[in-house]
Amino acid sequence: MKIILASNNPGKLAELQAILAPLGLELISQAALGIPEAEEPFFTFVENALTKARHASALSGLPALADDAGLCVDAFGGLPGVDTAYYATKFGYAKGDDNNVKALLEQMAHLTQPEQRRAALVSTLVAVRSANDPEPLIASGRVAGQIALQPVGSNGFGFDPVMFIPEFGQTFAQLPVAVKNANSHRGKATRQMMELMRERWL
C-alpha cells in the first residue's frame, strides 16, 4: 500500500519509513509528487495534522499520513505548541533549531526551579484513506520532562538538547538514537498508529 507523507522533511520521512516498514507500507514524500505544503491555521496539533493529511490526499489521490508536533511549556500555558518551529521569530531571531533553543532559554531564565520548567513534547499523527475520509486514524504521543538550564548532548534535533527526561536523567540529545526513537513522542504516536492501521486498514 502506498501512502503519501504530508511533509517535506526528509528526517521525518526516514524516521517514519523505518518505524512503519514492518507493515509493508511504501511511504512517499509529498515533495516527490510536487505537492505544496498545506496551510496550518489552527491552534491544535490534531486539526493541523488532519488538514495536512486531507490536503495531501486530495492532491495525490492516495491515502495520506500527516504529523504535527511541538513543545508545550507549562509556564507558558502550553505554548509554543503548534508554533514551535517558528518560536525564535517571535523574539527577533531567524527561524531555526538553535535560535529556538536560545529564545526559549532566554524566556525561561527567571524560572530556576525544576517544577517551574515542566514541559512536554507532543506528536499527533493523522492518517486518511481519502481526502473525505469520515473516520481518520488519530494517534498521539507525549513525553513529559523539564527544560534544562542549558543545552546538553549532540544527538537529535529541535529542542532535544534542552528536553531533560527525569526517568533517564539525561536530555533527549544525550540518549542513543535508538533509545530516543523508542521513547520519543513521535515514536509513541507512530507505534499507536501502526496498531490502528493493522486493526482498521490492513
Foldseek 3Di string as FASTA:
>chain_A
DEAEELDPDPVVQVLLCVLLVVVVYHYHYLVVVVQDHDDQPDQAFVVSQLRSQLSSQAVPVAKYKYKQKAKFWVLVVGPPHRCQQVQLVVVPDDGFQVSSLVVVLVVCVVPDDQVNFKMKIKMKMWIAGHSPRPDIDIFMFMAIAGFANDFDAQDDTRSQRGGQHVVVRHGLRNDDPVVSLCRDGVNRRSVSVSVVCVVPPD
